[in-house]
Amino acid sequence: MVTPSKIPANDSLPSLTRAIVLSSGLLAFGLVVALSLPTGPSSTARPEAAKPEPVLTAENATELCQSLFEEPKEYMDWDAKRRRWDLRDASCKMSFEANPADIERKVAYARTLPYQRKTEAISMLREAAAQGNAEAYYQIYEHHRSWDRGDLDKTQLVTRAEAANALQKAAELGHPYATAVLVRRLEDGDIVKRDIVAARYWAERAVTNAATDVSKGDRLLTLGRLLAASDKPDERARGLDILEKLNAPGQYLYGAKRELALAIRKQDPVRARALLEEARRPDPGGATVPLAEMLIAGEGGPADPRRAVSLLTGKSDSWIPMAEGASNSWMAKGMLGRLTLEGRLVPRDVQEAVNLIDRASSYDFEARMLVVRLLAEYPETRVSHPKGTLYYAVEAAELDEPGAMKAVIDLKLSANAQFQDRAGACKLIETAVSRGDQGMAERLAECRKS
């Protein structure tokens, strides 16, 4: 399973490290006290004066509007950020009103409109997109992603289909962020259908068209990971070459060791396990799960299931001398959920398994669909956000992801009180049959009888 680098979390510190940190903290406190004492007249150091905030004029409105969308590189407190946003909004408004026909100004102004004026903003973005503006397309996608998802009963201003098309169009027009986002969406299978071949194509484009404030190394890491997983020897060889270069002596890129380990795991499990051991501390979110899998299976070294559980749970037990501290990542929760479902190495508890796997479902398509199947198979189980669970399952079915339609239909026909909906299931069965799924024909006949 490809493990994307998302939501890393720190492991707990060993006792010796905590002692060192505590000692360092006391020393630092002493230094702070010493430095805070009054100094003699020779001390002339003064804090650096804050940079004056720009003054909005008709001449600089357009430049300010564009520049203030960029995140500041220096620290800013909340009040300073609020003033910055207000200045951006005012400058974009002034710039647009001076020339409403200018597409760039129209898009920038639409981005500053409050949510209460979302209909007006989307209308402006659609006008600009129709004229080939990449940013307008990307903002249409962003609106759907941020505001229109999660509840099937909610009226969508931007539909999933429009958002998917807008993201694709923005990438085709060379929008750097849209290109990178499209790669991730093609891998994850939400908003657009999963397509790893297409993801590789767009990953190539992302490397050559990276945003100025995004590391090219991160783009290369994604490309190397995708190519190394290809079943084409030339693509795999190129992917491995990229990953090896990112792990060259003197080089460090977050996630590079983990991705190289995953790429060579079958061919060289000993080296893969060693790389994951090295990567676990700086990259607990990504390295913990594959390392735990190898420890359980005895890949690349002796089996050590007790340590695997310790890594996943972060809990000490009578048969675990000392828990090493688990990553609190969604990936660790997902694997622990599967072990809990099987009753392997940990006590079996279906509801707890659903809870844990559901934690991973926000980032993992397979976890999302597994939760749906478990809710149907064990109708006494529950999830905390049933509307969201159903929304993303129906979205997968709409995208015709393999097995998604059947999973949603089974859930709606189940006895699970959170999801039971025979009429809704029958509508989906009709859709499945219209798509050519003859396996659903018998179910459709049953629906028509009832």
Protein backbone atom coordinates (compact mmCIF):
# COMPACT_ATOMS: atom_id res chain seq x y z
CA MET A 1 0.00 0.00 0.00
CA VAL A 2 1.36 3.41 -0.91
CA THR A 3 1.73 5.50 2.21
CA PRO A 4 1.40 9.23 1.50
CA SER A 5 3.09 11.67 3.82
CA LYS A 6 0.15 13.11 5.74
CA ILE A 7 -0.35 14.26 9.28
CA PRO A 8 2.90 13.10 10.87
CA ALA A 9 2.94 13.01 14.66
CA ASN A 10 5.79 12.93 17.16
CA ASP A 11 6.64 9.84 19.20
CA SER A 12 6.88 10.17 22.95
CA LEU A 13 10.37 11.00 24.22
CA PRO A 14 12.43 8.29 26.02
CA SER A 15 13.12 8.97 29.69
CA LEU A 16 16.78 9.90 29.09
CA THR A 17 15.78 12.38 26.41
CA ARG A 18 13.17 13.89 28.71
CA ALA A 19 15.84 14.32 31.38
CA ILE A 20 18.14 16.07 28.94
CA VAL A 21 15.28 18.30 27.76
CA LEU A 22 14.40 19.14 31.37
CA SER A 23 18.01 20.03 32.18
CA SER A 24 18.25 22.11 29.05
CA GLY A 25 15.02 23.85 29.99
CA LEU A 26 16.36 24.75 33.45
CA LEU A 27 19.55 26.09 31.92
CA ALA A 28 17.56 28.09 29.40
CA PHE A 29 15.42 29.49 32.19
CA GLY A 30 18.55 30.60 34.04
CA LEU A 31 19.82 32.33 30.94
CA VAL A 32 16.50 34.08 30.47
CA VAL A 33 16.57 35.35 34.06
CA ALA A 34 20.15 36.54 33.69
CA LEU A 35 19.43 38.29 30.44
CA SER A 36 16.35 39.96 31.88
CA LEU A 37 18.33 41.70 34.65
CA PRO A 38 18.95 45.45 34.22
CA THR A 39 22.11 46.27 32.30
CA GLY A 40 24.47 49.20 32.56
CA PRO A 41 24.36 52.34 30.47
CA SER A 42 26.52 50.68 27.79
CA SER A 43 23.60 48.55 26.65
CA THR A 44 22.19 50.18 23.52
CA ALA A 45 20.40 47.22 21.89
CA ARG A 46 16.88 48.03 20.74
CA PRO A 47 14.22 45.79 19.21
CA GLU A 48 13.96 46.06 15.46
CA ALA A 49 11.23 48.45 14.47
CA ALA A 50 8.18 46.90 12.85
CA LYS A 51 7.93 47.45 9.13
CA PRO A 52 5.37 50.12 8.29
CA GLU A 53 2.21 48.81 6.68
CA PRO A 54 1.66 49.90 3.07
CA VAL A 55 -0.83 52.66 2.36
CA LEU A 56 -3.48 51.81 -0.23
CA THR A 57 -3.67 54.13 -3.24
CA ALA A 58 -5.23 53.89 -6.67
CA GLU A 59 -1.74 53.44 -8.12
CA ASN A 60 -0.70 50.47 -5.97
CA ALA A 61 -4.09 48.74 -5.51
CA THR A 62 -3.56 46.05 -8.15
CA GLU A 63 -0.06 45.20 -6.99
CA LEU A 64 -1.13 45.05 -3.35
CA CYS A 65 -4.13 42.90 -4.20
CA GLN A 66 -2.00 40.23 -5.85
CA SER A 67 0.89 40.32 -3.37
CA LEU A 68 -1.28 40.06 -0.27
CA PHE A 69 -2.69 36.68 -1.33
CA GLU A 70 0.77 35.25 -0.62
CA GLU A 71 1.42 33.98 2.89
CA PRO A 72 3.79 36.25 4.84
CA LYS A 73 7.21 34.75 5.49
CA GLU A 74 7.64 36.53 8.82
CA TYR A 75 5.62 35.86 11.96
CA MET A 76 2.44 37.92 12.32
CA ASP A 77 0.08 38.02 15.26
CA TRP A 78 -3.68 37.74 14.76
CA ASP A 79 -4.31 41.48 14.67
CA ALA A 80 -1.60 41.98 12.05
CA LYS A 81 -3.04 39.18 9.93
CA ARG A 82 -6.50 40.66 10.20
CA ARG A 83 -5.22 44.04 9.03
CA ARG A 84 -3.39 42.37 6.19
CA TRP A 85 -6.56 40.58 5.03
CA ASP A 86 -8.59 43.79 5.30
CA LEU A 87 -6.01 45.63 3.22
CA ARG A 88 -6.03 42.85 0.64
CA ASP A 89 -9.81 42.92 0.36
CA ALA A 90 -9.87 46.71 0.06
CA SER A 91 -7.11 46.78 -2.55
CA CYS A 92 -8.74 44.04 -4.66
CA LYS A 93 -12.06 45.90 -4.54
CA MET A 94 -10.44 49.17 -5.59
CA SER A 95 -8.49 47.46 -8.36
CA PHE A 96 -11.56 45.70 -9.73
CA GLU A 97 -13.77 48.77 -9.63
CA ALA A 98 -11.14 50.70 -11.59
CA ASN A 99 -11.31 48.12 -14.42
CA PRO A 100 -14.14 45.54 -14.06
CA ALA A 101 -13.41 44.07 -17.50
CA ASP A 102 -9.94 42.86 -16.48
CA ILE A 103 -10.13 39.09 -15.89
CA GLU A 104 -7.27 38.91 -13.38
CA ARG A 105 -8.80 41.69 -11.28
CA LYS A 106 -12.22 40.05 -11.45
CA VAL A 107 -10.87 36.72 -10.19
CA ALA A 108 -8.91 38.37 -7.38
CA TYR A 109 -11.95 40.36 -6.26
CA ALA A 110 -14.17 37.26 -6.36
CA ARG A 111 -11.71 35.48 -4.07
CA THR A 112 -12.13 38.19 -1.42
CA LEU A 113 -15.93 38.16 -1.32
CA PRO A 114 -17.39 36.79 1.94
CA TYR A 115 -19.24 33.50 2.06
CA GLN A 116 -22.55 35.36 2.21
CA ARG A 117 -21.84 36.55 -1.35
CA LYS A 118 -20.73 33.13 -2.62
CA THR A 119 -23.28 33.05 -5.43
CA GLU A 120 -21.94 36.32 -6.82
CA ALA A 121 -18.35 35.13 -6.43
CA ILE A 122 -18.94 31.84 -8.25
CA SER A 123 -20.74 33.64 -11.06
CA MET A 124 -17.70 35.90 -11.53
CA LEU A 125 -15.33 32.93 -11.42
CA ARG A 126 -17.37 31.04 -14.01
CA GLU A 127 -17.25 34.07 -16.32
CA ALA A 128 -13.48 34.28 -15.96
CA ALA A 129 -13.03 30.52 -16.38
CA ALA A 130 -15.01 30.62 -19.61
CA GLN A 131 -12.36 33.03 -20.87
CA GLY A 132 -9.57 30.58 -20.01
CA ASN A 133 -8.42 31.85 -16.62
CA ALA A 134 -6.63 29.06 -14.73
CA GLU A 135 -6.99 30.65 -11.29
CA ALA A 136 -10.75 30.98 -11.78
CA TYR A 137 -11.02 27.26 -12.57
CA TYR A 138 -8.94 26.40 -9.51
CA GLN A 139 -11.05 28.58 -7.22
CA ILE A 140 -14.24 26.90 -8.50
CA TYR A 141 -12.73 23.56 -7.48
CA GLU A 142 -11.66 25.00 -4.11
CA HIS A 143 -15.18 26.26 -3.40
CA HIS A 144 -16.62 22.79 -3.88
CA ARG A 145 -13.89 21.18 -1.78
CA SER A 146 -14.28 23.68 1.06
CA TRP A 147 -18.01 24.36 1.18
CA ASP A 148 -20.14 21.95 -0.85
CA ARG A 149 -19.18 18.51 0.43
CA GLY A 150 -20.15 16.24 3.30
CA ASP A 151 -23.96 16.27 3.30
CA LEU A 152 -26.17 14.76 0.60
CA ASP A 153 -29.10 16.91 1.73
CA LYS A 154 -27.18 20.13 1.14
CA THR A 155 -27.71 22.04 -2.10
CA GLN A 156 -24.36 22.38 -3.85
CA LEU A 157 -23.47 25.65 -5.55
CA VAL A 158 -20.60 23.84 -7.29
CA THR A 159 -21.22 20.17 -7.98
CA ARG A 160 -18.61 17.45 -7.79
CA ALA A 161 -18.64 17.05 -11.58
CA GLU A 162 -18.07 20.78 -12.13
CA ALA A 163 -15.30 20.84 -9.54
CA ALA A 164 -13.54 17.84 -11.09
CA ASN A 165 -13.71 19.42 -14.53
CA ALA A 166 -12.48 22.76 -13.16
CA LEU A 167 -9.49 21.14 -11.47
CA GLN A 168 -8.56 19.32 -14.68
CA LYS A 169 -8.93 22.53 -16.72
CA ALA A 170 -6.79 24.52 -14.29
CA ALA A 171 -4.05 21.88 -14.52
CA GLU A 172 -4.25 21.84 -18.31
CA LEU A 173 -3.81 25.62 -18.29
CA GLY A 174 -0.63 25.24 -16.22
CA HIS A 175 -1.85 26.22 -12.74
CA PRO A 176 0.93 24.88 -10.44
CA TYR A 177 -1.20 24.13 -7.39
CA ALA A 178 -3.99 22.61 -9.45
CA THR A 179 -1.47 20.27 -11.08
CA ALA A 180 -0.17 19.06 -7.71
CA VAL A 181 -3.67 18.75 -6.25
CA LEU A 182 -4.85 16.76 -9.27
CA VAL A 183 -2.07 14.23 -8.67
CA ARG A 184 -3.26 13.71 -5.11
CA ARG A 185 -6.91 13.49 -6.09
CA LEU A 186 -6.11 10.90 -8.78
CA GLU A 187 -4.42 8.85 -6.07
CA ASP A 188 -6.99 9.34 -3.32
CA GLY A 189 -10.17 8.84 -5.29
CA ASP A 190 -12.33 11.71 -4.11
CA ILE A 191 -13.87 14.38 -6.33
CA VAL A 192 -12.14 12.66 -9.28
CA LYS A 193 -11.89 8.94 -9.95
CA ARG A 194 -8.67 7.16 -9.02
CA ASP A 195 -6.31 6.73 -11.94
CA ILE A 196 -2.66 5.98 -11.15
CA VAL A 197 -1.55 6.16 -14.78
CA ALA A 198 -2.98 9.66 -15.06
CA ALA A 199 -1.43 10.53 -11.69
CA ARG A 200 2.01 9.68 -13.07
CA TYR A 201 1.43 11.89 -16.09
CA TRP A 202 0.41 14.86 -13.98
CA ALA A 203 3.23 14.23 -11.49
CA GLU A 204 5.64 14.75 -14.40
CA ARG A 205 3.90 18.02 -15.20
CA ALA A 206 4.04 19.06 -11.54
CA VAL A 207 7.84 18.68 -11.46
CA THR A 208 8.31 20.98 -14.43
CA ASN A 209 5.61 23.41 -13.32
CA ALA A 210 6.12 23.64 -9.57
CA ALA A 211 4.93 26.66 -7.62
CA THR A 212 7.75 29.01 -6.69
CA ASP A 213 7.30 28.50 -2.95
CA VAL A 214 7.07 24.69 -3.13
CA SER A 215 10.13 22.47 -2.97
CA LYS A 216 10.95 20.72 -6.21
CA GLY A 217 12.23 17.86 -4.07
CA ASP A 218 8.70 17.20 -2.79
CA ARG A 219 7.42 17.04 -6.37
CA LEU A 220 10.26 14.68 -7.33
CA LEU A 221 9.47 12.49 -4.33
CA THR A 222 5.86 12.12 -5.48
CA LEU A 223 6.96 11.36 -9.03
CA GLY A 224 9.57 8.84 -7.87
CA ARG A 225 7.06 7.09 -5.63
CA LEU A 226 4.48 6.79 -8.39
CA LEU A 227 6.97 5.62 -11.03
CA ALA A 228 8.57 3.08 -8.68
CA ALA A 229 5.14 1.45 -8.20
CA SER A 230 4.64 1.05 -11.96
CA ASP A 231 4.51 -2.40 -13.55
CA LYS A 232 6.53 -1.07 -16.49
CA PRO A 233 10.24 -1.86 -15.95
CA ASP A 234 11.50 1.40 -17.46
CA GLU A 235 9.18 3.54 -15.33
CA ARG A 236 10.02 1.58 -12.20
CA ALA A 237 13.74 1.90 -12.86
CA ARG A 238 13.41 5.64 -13.31
CA GLY A 239 11.36 5.95 -10.14
CA LEU A 240 13.94 4.02 -8.13
CA ASP A 241 16.69 6.19 -9.57
CA ILE A 242 14.86 9.33 -8.44
CA LEU A 243 14.33 7.92 -4.94
CA GLU A 244 17.96 6.80 -4.63
CA LYS A 245 19.19 10.26 -5.61
CA LEU A 246 16.90 11.86 -3.05
CA ASN A 247 18.54 9.58 -0.45
CA ALA A 248 22.14 10.26 -1.55
CA PRO A 249 24.71 11.00 1.20
CA GLY A 250 24.34 14.55 2.44
CA GLN A 251 20.77 14.78 1.14
CA TYR A 252 17.70 14.93 3.37
CA LEU A 253 14.12 15.23 2.27
CA TYR A 254 11.24 14.44 4.59
CA GLY A 255 9.66 11.14 3.57
CA ALA A 256 12.40 10.12 1.11
CA LYS A 257 13.71 7.18 3.18
CA ARG A 258 10.22 5.87 3.77
CA GLU A 259 9.30 5.99 0.07
CA LEU A 260 12.52 4.26 -0.97
CA ALA A 261 11.88 1.57 1.66
CA LEU A 262 8.37 0.97 0.34
CA ALA A 263 9.64 0.81 -3.24
CA ILE A 264 12.30 -1.84 -2.51
CA ARG A 265 10.45 -3.74 0.23
CA LYS A 266 9.76 -6.87 -1.84
CA GLN A 267 13.14 -7.00 -3.56
CA ASP A 268 15.34 -6.03 -0.59
CA PRO A 269 13.41 -6.37 2.66
CA VAL A 270 16.54 -6.16 4.84
CA ARG A 271 17.50 -2.73 3.51
CA ALA A 272 13.86 -1.62 3.48
CA ARG A 273 13.46 -2.47 7.16
CA ALA A 274 16.70 -0.67 8.02
CA LEU A 275 15.52 2.43 6.17
CA LEU A 276 12.20 2.39 8.00
CA GLU A 277 13.99 2.10 11.34
CA GLU A 278 16.02 5.18 10.42
CA ALA A 279 12.95 7.04 9.22
CA ARG A 280 10.67 6.24 12.15
CA ARG A 281 11.78 9.05 14.44
CA PRO A 282 11.69 11.94 11.93
CA ASP A 283 8.74 10.45 10.02
CA PRO A 284 6.59 8.49 12.49
CA GLY A 285 3.37 9.06 10.58
CA GLY A 286 4.69 7.45 7.42
CA ALA A 287 7.23 4.87 8.62
CA THR A 288 5.46 3.29 11.60
CA VAL A 289 2.87 1.23 9.72
CA PRO A 290 5.13 -0.45 7.12
CA LEU A 291 7.71 -1.09 9.84
CA ALA A 292 5.04 -2.68 12.06
CA GLU A 293 3.89 -4.82 9.13
CA MET A 294 7.44 -6.08 8.59
CA LEU A 295 7.92 -6.74 12.30
CA ILE A 296 4.75 -8.83 12.42
CA ALA A 297 5.59 -10.80 9.28
CA GLY A 298 9.28 -11.20 10.02
CA GLU A 299 10.25 -9.43 6.80
CA GLY A 300 13.86 -8.31 6.57
CA GLY A 301 14.69 -9.60 10.06
CA PRO A 302 13.31 -11.46 13.06
CA ALA A 303 9.57 -11.23 13.72
CA ASP A 304 8.70 -8.99 16.67
CA PRO A 305 4.91 -8.60 16.89
CA ARG A 306 5.10 -7.26 20.44
CA ARG A 307 7.20 -4.32 19.34
CA ALA A 308 4.86 -3.78 16.36
CA VAL A 309 1.88 -3.39 18.72
CA SER A 310 3.95 -1.13 20.95
CA LEU A 311 4.72 1.13 17.98
CA LEU A 312 1.06 1.29 16.95
CA THR A 313 -0.47 1.82 20.38
CA GLY A 314 2.25 3.60 22.35
CA LYS A 315 1.14 1.57 25.36
CA SER A 316 3.29 -0.58 27.58
CA ASP A 317 2.03 -4.03 28.52
CA SER A 318 3.22 -6.82 30.74
CA TRP A 319 4.70 -8.55 27.73
CA ILE A 320 6.07 -5.34 26.19
CA PRO A 321 9.07 -4.26 28.27
CA MET A 322 8.81 -0.62 27.19
CA ALA A 323 6.47 0.91 24.65
CA GLU A 324 8.49 2.87 22.11
CA GLY A 325 5.75 5.42 21.51
CA ALA A 326 3.32 5.23 18.65
CA SER A 327 2.67 7.73 15.94
CA ASN A 328 -0.82 9.09 16.42
CA SER A 329 -1.20 9.19 12.65
CA TRP A 330 -4.28 8.07 10.77
CA MET A 331 -2.22 5.29 9.18
CA ALA A 332 -1.32 3.81 12.57
CA LYS A 333 -4.96 4.02 13.66
CA GLY A 334 -6.06 2.31 10.46
CA MET A 335 -3.68 -0.63 10.86
CA LEU A 336 -4.53 -1.00 14.54
CA GLY A 337 -8.20 -1.02 13.54
CA ARG A 338 -7.63 -3.89 11.13
CA LEU A 339 -5.77 -5.87 13.80
CA THR A 340 -8.61 -5.15 16.24
CA LEU A 341 -11.15 -6.37 13.68
CA GLU A 342 -9.23 -9.62 13.21
CA GLY A 343 -8.48 -10.06 16.91
CA ARG A 344 -4.84 -10.50 15.94
CA LEU A 345 -2.29 -9.45 18.59
CA VAL A 346 -4.96 -7.29 20.26
CA PRO A 347 -8.43 -8.19 21.60
CA ARG A 348 -11.18 -8.32 18.97
CA ASP A 349 -13.69 -5.48 19.19
CA VAL A 350 -15.70 -4.68 16.06
CA GLN A 351 -16.98 -1.29 17.24
CA GLU A 352 -13.49 -0.19 18.27
CA ALA A 353 -12.20 -1.44 14.93
CA VAL A 354 -14.77 0.69 13.13
CA ASN A 355 -13.79 3.69 15.26
CA LEU A 356 -10.11 3.29 14.44
CA ILE A 357 -10.54 2.59 10.74
CA ASP A 358 -12.95 5.51 10.53
CA ARG A 359 -10.10 7.74 11.78
CA ALA A 360 -8.12 6.69 8.72
CA SER A 361 -11.04 7.01 6.32
CA SER A 362 -10.63 10.78 5.94
CA TYR A 363 -7.37 10.14 4.09
CA ASP A 364 -7.60 6.58 2.78
CA PHE A 365 -10.11 5.46 0.14
CA GLU A 366 -9.81 1.76 1.06
CA ALA A 367 -10.46 2.60 4.72
CA ARG A 368 -13.59 4.57 3.72
CA MET A 369 -15.03 1.64 1.84
CA LEU A 370 -14.07 -0.86 4.55
CA VAL A 371 -16.02 1.20 7.12
CA VAL A 372 -19.08 1.12 4.84
CA ARG A 373 -18.86 -2.66 4.45
CA LEU A 374 -18.40 -3.18 8.20
CA LEU A 375 -21.41 -1.01 9.02
CA ALA A 376 -23.54 -3.20 6.75
CA GLU A 377 -22.09 -6.48 8.01
CA TYR A 378 -22.35 -5.48 11.67
CA PRO A 379 -25.51 -3.31 11.83
CA GLU A 380 -25.11 -2.71 15.56
CA THR A 381 -21.98 -0.63 14.92
CA ARG A 382 -22.09 3.15 14.68
CA VAL A 383 -20.00 6.05 13.37
CA SER A 384 -19.86 9.55 14.82
CA HIS A 385 -20.60 11.38 11.55
CA PRO A 386 -23.01 9.24 9.52
CA LYS A 387 -23.83 12.00 7.01
CA GLY A 388 -20.19 12.35 6.07
CA THR A 389 -19.68 8.59 5.87
CA LEU A 390 -22.64 8.24 3.52
CA TYR A 391 -21.66 11.28 1.44
CA TYR A 392 -18.19 10.02 0.59
CA ALA A 393 -19.46 6.51 -0.07
CA VAL A 394 -22.10 7.82 -2.49
CA GLU A 395 -19.46 10.04 -4.10
CA ALA A 396 -17.32 6.93 -4.75
CA ALA A 397 -20.34 5.16 -6.21
CA GLU A 398 -21.05 8.14 -8.46
CA LEU A 399 -17.44 7.97 -9.65
CA ASP A 400 -17.98 4.26 -10.39
CA GLU A 401 -15.12 3.21 -8.15
CA PRO A 402 -14.88 -0.61 -8.09
CA GLY A 403 -17.20 -2.10 -5.46
CA ALA A 404 -18.46 1.26 -4.22
CA MET A 405 -21.99 1.02 -5.61
CA LYS A 406 -22.55 -2.45 -4.14
CA ALA A 407 -21.18 -1.35 -0.77
CA VAL A 408 -23.57 1.61 -0.55
CA ILE A 409 -26.55 -0.48 -1.66
CA ASP A 410 -25.75 -3.16 0.91
CA LEU A 411 -25.46 -0.50 3.61
CA LYS A 412 -28.82 1.05 2.77
CA LEU A 413 -30.48 -2.38 2.71
CA SER A 414 -28.90 -3.41 6.01
CA ALA A 415 -30.47 -3.21 9.45
CA ASN A 416 -28.09 -0.45 10.53
CA ALA A 417 -30.33 2.24 11.99
CA GLN A 418 -27.99 5.05 10.93
CA PHE A 419 -28.17 4.14 7.23
CA GLN A 420 -31.22 1.96 6.53
CA ASP A 421 -32.92 3.35 3.41
CA ARG A 422 -34.60 0.79 1.15
CA ALA A 423 -36.03 3.40 -1.24
CA GLY A 424 -32.62 5.00 -1.67
CA ALA A 425 -31.05 1.60 -2.24
CA CYS A 426 -33.56 0.83 -4.97
CA LYS A 427 -32.71 4.07 -6.77
CA LEU A 428 -29.04 3.15 -6.69
CA ILE A 429 -29.85 -0.34 -7.97
CA GLU A 430 -31.62 1.25 -10.94
CA THR A 431 -28.50 3.34 -11.61
CA ALA A 432 -26.27 0.27 -11.38
CA VAL A 433 -28.44 -1.67 -13.86
CA SER A 434 -28.47 1.32 -16.24
CA ARG A 435 -24.67 1.22 -16.17
CA GLY A 436 -24.76 -2.39 -17.31
CA ASP A 437 -24.42 -4.18 -13.98
CA GLN A 438 -26.62 -7.19 -14.69
CA GLY A 439 -25.75 -8.65 -11.31
CA MET A 440 -28.12 -6.07 -9.84
CA ALA A 441 -31.06 -7.02 -12.10
CA GLU A 442 -32.47 -9.53 -9.60
CA ARG A 443 -32.33 -6.93 -6.84
CA LEU A 444 -34.10 -4.42 -9.06
CA ALA A 445 -36.92 -6.92 -9.62
CA GLU A 446 -37.26 -7.31 -5.85
CA CYS A 447 -37.42 -3.53 -5.44
CA ARG A 448 -40.22 -3.27 -7.99
CA LYS A 449 -42.25 -5.92 -6.19
CA SER A 450 -42.10 -4.10 -2.87
